[in-house]
N, C-alpha and C. Protein backbone atom coordinates (compact mmCIF):
# COMPACT_ATOMS: atom_id res chain seq x y z
N MET A 1 108.04 89.06 99.58
CA MET A 1 107.18 90.42 98.60
C MET A 1 108.72 91.07 98.08
N ALA A 2 108.42 91.74 97.20
CA ALA A 2 109.46 92.66 96.35
C ALA A 2 108.87 94.09 96.25
N ASN A 3 110.14 95.07 96.50
CA ASN A 3 109.46 96.53 96.47
C ASN A 3 110.57 97.05 95.57
N VAL A 4 110.08 97.59 94.24
CA VAL A 4 110.96 97.89 93.28
C VAL A 4 110.46 99.45 92.77
N THR A 5 111.39 100.07 92.58
CA THR A 5 111.24 101.71 92.27
C THR A 5 111.64 101.70 90.73
N TYR A 6 110.87 102.42 89.90
CA TYR A 6 111.10 102.55 88.50
C TYR A 6 110.78 104.10 88.08
N GLU A 7 111.39 104.65 87.00
CA GLU A 7 111.11 106.11 86.97
C GLU A 7 110.76 105.94 85.65
N VAL A 8 109.38 106.74 85.30
CA VAL A 8 108.82 106.75 84.38
C VAL A 8 108.61 108.39 83.99
N THR A 9 108.66 108.20 82.80
CA THR A 9 108.69 109.67 81.99
C THR A 9 107.22 110.25 81.59
N GLY A 10 106.87 111.27 81.28
CA GLY A 10 105.92 111.51 80.56
C GLY A 10 105.02 111.92 81.28
N MET A 11 104.51 112.03 82.72
CA MET A 11 103.83 112.03 83.57
C MET A 11 103.65 113.68 83.90
N THR A 12 102.57 114.54 83.78
CA THR A 12 102.44 116.04 83.96
C THR A 12 101.61 116.20 84.94
N CYS A 13 100.52 115.13 85.39
CA CYS A 13 99.23 115.88 86.23
C CYS A 13 98.79 114.67 87.10
N ASP A 14 97.87 114.74 87.62
CA ASP A 14 96.99 113.77 88.51
C ASP A 14 96.40 112.72 87.53
N HIS A 15 96.00 113.01 86.59
CA HIS A 15 95.55 112.00 85.68
C HIS A 15 96.64 110.97 84.98
N CYS A 16 97.83 111.63 84.94
CA CYS A 16 98.67 110.60 84.60
C CYS A 16 99.11 109.67 85.56
N VAL A 17 99.25 110.02 87.22
CA VAL A 17 99.55 109.46 87.78
C VAL A 17 98.56 108.31 88.23
N ASN A 18 97.25 108.45 87.88
CA ASN A 18 96.16 107.56 87.90
C ASN A 18 96.54 106.54 87.01
N ALA A 19 96.22 106.97 85.73
CA ALA A 19 96.27 106.19 84.48
C ALA A 19 97.36 105.16 84.81
N VAL A 20 98.86 105.51 85.29
CA VAL A 20 100.04 104.49 85.70
C VAL A 20 99.88 103.74 86.67
N LYS A 21 98.81 104.24 87.65
CA LYS A 21 98.68 103.41 89.10
C LYS A 21 97.52 102.36 88.29
N GLY A 22 96.70 102.68 87.83
CA GLY A 22 95.48 101.96 87.65
C GLY A 22 96.26 100.71 86.50
N GLU A 23 96.94 100.93 85.71
CA GLU A 23 97.70 99.66 84.90
C GLU A 23 98.75 99.08 85.43
N LEU A 24 99.20 99.21 86.24
CA LEU A 24 100.31 98.58 87.30
C LEU A 24 99.57 97.61 88.36
N SER A 25 98.52 98.47 88.95
CA SER A 25 97.53 97.73 89.81
C SER A 25 96.86 96.55 89.51
N GLN A 26 96.88 96.56 88.34
CA GLN A 26 95.82 95.36 87.18
C GLN A 26 97.04 94.11 87.13
N LEU A 27 98.13 94.56 87.55
CA LEU A 27 98.90 92.99 87.06
C LEU A 27 99.41 92.03 88.00
N GLU A 28 98.95 91.03 88.04
CA GLU A 28 98.87 89.59 88.87
C GLU A 28 100.07 89.75 89.82
N GLY A 29 99.81 89.78 91.07
CA GLY A 29 100.64 89.84 92.10
C GLY A 29 101.03 90.95 92.91
N VAL A 30 100.62 92.23 92.28
CA VAL A 30 100.64 93.76 92.69
C VAL A 30 99.94 94.03 93.79
N GLU A 31 100.49 94.59 94.83
CA GLU A 31 99.77 94.53 96.04
C GLU A 31 99.67 96.16 96.55
N ALA A 32 100.70 97.09 96.00
CA ALA A 32 100.34 98.62 96.32
C ALA A 32 101.33 98.82 94.85
N VAL A 33 100.92 100.35 94.75
CA VAL A 33 101.49 101.02 93.27
C VAL A 33 101.71 102.74 94.28
N GLU A 34 102.78 103.02 94.21
CA GLU A 34 102.77 104.52 94.79
C GLU A 34 103.58 105.40 93.70
N VAL A 35 102.92 106.12 93.24
CA VAL A 35 103.66 107.13 92.26
C VAL A 35 103.77 108.67 92.64
N GLU A 36 104.87 109.40 92.42
CA GLU A 36 105.25 110.21 92.85
C GLU A 36 105.60 111.06 91.42
N LEU A 37 104.64 112.38 91.26
CA LEU A 37 104.54 112.86 89.93
C LEU A 37 105.87 113.87 90.00
N ASP A 38 106.56 114.53 91.19
CA ASP A 38 107.70 115.28 90.60
C ASP A 38 108.51 114.72 90.58
N SER A 39 109.34 113.25 90.77
CA SER A 39 110.29 112.86 90.51
C SER A 39 109.89 111.60 89.27
N GLY A 40 108.87 111.43 88.94
CA GLY A 40 108.73 110.43 88.01
C GLY A 40 108.61 108.62 88.80
N ARG A 41 109.19 108.74 90.02
CA ARG A 41 109.30 107.27 90.56
C ARG A 41 107.91 107.03 90.72
N VAL A 42 107.96 105.69 90.34
CA VAL A 42 106.88 104.74 90.63
C VAL A 42 107.26 103.42 91.71
N SER A 43 106.87 103.27 93.06
CA SER A 43 107.13 101.89 93.45
C SER A 43 106.11 101.01 93.40
N VAL A 44 106.54 99.75 93.26
CA VAL A 44 105.60 98.81 92.98
C VAL A 44 105.83 97.78 94.02
N THR A 45 104.79 97.63 95.04
CA THR A 45 105.00 96.33 95.77
C THR A 45 104.51 94.98 95.53
N SER A 46 105.21 93.99 95.22
CA SER A 46 104.13 92.86 94.68
C SER A 46 104.77 91.77 95.45
N ALA A 47 104.18 90.42 95.41
CA ALA A 47 104.17 89.20 95.79
C ALA A 47 105.65 88.69 95.47
N GLU A 48 105.63 88.69 94.31
CA GLU A 48 106.94 87.85 93.67
C GLU A 48 107.18 89.17 92.69
N PRO A 49 108.93 88.78 92.69
CA PRO A 49 109.49 89.94 91.92
C PRO A 49 108.97 89.97 90.17
N LEU A 50 108.50 91.44 89.92
CA LEU A 50 107.96 91.31 87.93
C LEU A 50 108.94 91.38 87.30
N ASP A 51 108.53 90.99 86.04
CA ASP A 51 109.54 91.19 85.03
C ASP A 51 109.50 92.70 84.46
N THR A 52 110.71 92.94 84.30
CA THR A 52 110.62 94.91 83.70
C THR A 52 110.11 94.84 82.64
N ASP A 53 109.74 93.67 81.61
CA ASP A 53 108.74 94.02 80.55
C ASP A 53 107.39 94.07 80.99
N THR A 54 107.08 93.07 81.81
CA THR A 54 105.92 93.61 82.25
C THR A 54 105.40 94.69 82.59
N ILE A 55 106.16 95.06 83.58
CA ILE A 55 106.22 96.59 83.86
C ILE A 55 106.23 97.72 82.77
N ARG A 56 107.07 97.62 82.08
CA ARG A 56 107.15 98.44 80.85
C ARG A 56 106.02 98.46 79.73
N SER A 57 105.34 96.98 79.68
CA SER A 57 104.14 97.18 78.95
C SER A 57 103.11 97.91 79.52
N ALA A 58 103.03 97.38 80.82
CA ALA A 58 101.78 98.20 81.56
C ALA A 58 101.75 100.10 81.47
N VAL A 59 103.22 100.26 81.61
CA VAL A 59 103.22 101.75 81.54
C VAL A 59 103.03 102.13 80.21
N GLU A 60 103.41 101.13 79.21
CA GLU A 60 103.15 102.09 77.77
C GLU A 60 101.50 101.94 77.74
N ARG A 61 101.02 100.97 77.88
CA ARG A 61 99.11 101.02 77.89
C ARG A 61 98.76 102.30 78.46
N ALA A 62 99.37 102.73 79.35
CA ALA A 62 99.06 103.92 79.98
C ALA A 62 98.88 105.13 79.49
N GLY A 63 99.87 105.19 78.51
CA GLY A 63 100.83 106.37 77.19
C GLY A 63 102.12 106.90 78.00
N TYR A 64 102.90 106.20 79.01
CA TYR A 64 104.18 106.72 79.17
C TYR A 64 105.38 105.62 79.04
N GLU A 65 106.29 105.79 79.46
CA GLU A 65 107.37 105.26 79.21
C GLU A 65 108.02 104.93 80.51
N LEU A 66 108.72 103.96 80.50
CA LEU A 66 109.35 103.18 81.31
C LEU A 66 111.20 103.75 81.28
N ARG A 67 111.84 104.56 82.00
CA ARG A 67 113.45 104.70 81.86
C ARG A 67 113.81 103.65 82.68
N VAL A 68 115.01 102.81 82.01
CA VAL A 68 115.83 102.06 82.90
C VAL A 68 116.97 102.75 83.09
C-alpha cells in the first residue's frame, strides 16, 4: 500500500475538490483520495505506487495543476 501527498493549485471551492477527487478515484489501484481545500494537499492511497505523470494527467483532466 502506498500513500502519497501532492499539492494541487487552482482549487477554490467544493466543486474543485469533487472534480479532483473524482478523477483521481478513477485511476486503477486507487483506494482512497483525501483533498484539503485550504492547503491544496491531496493524499492518494493506492495498492501500488502510482507514477507522478499519471497523477498529473488526472489532475489536469479535472482542470487543475499538480505542483511538484
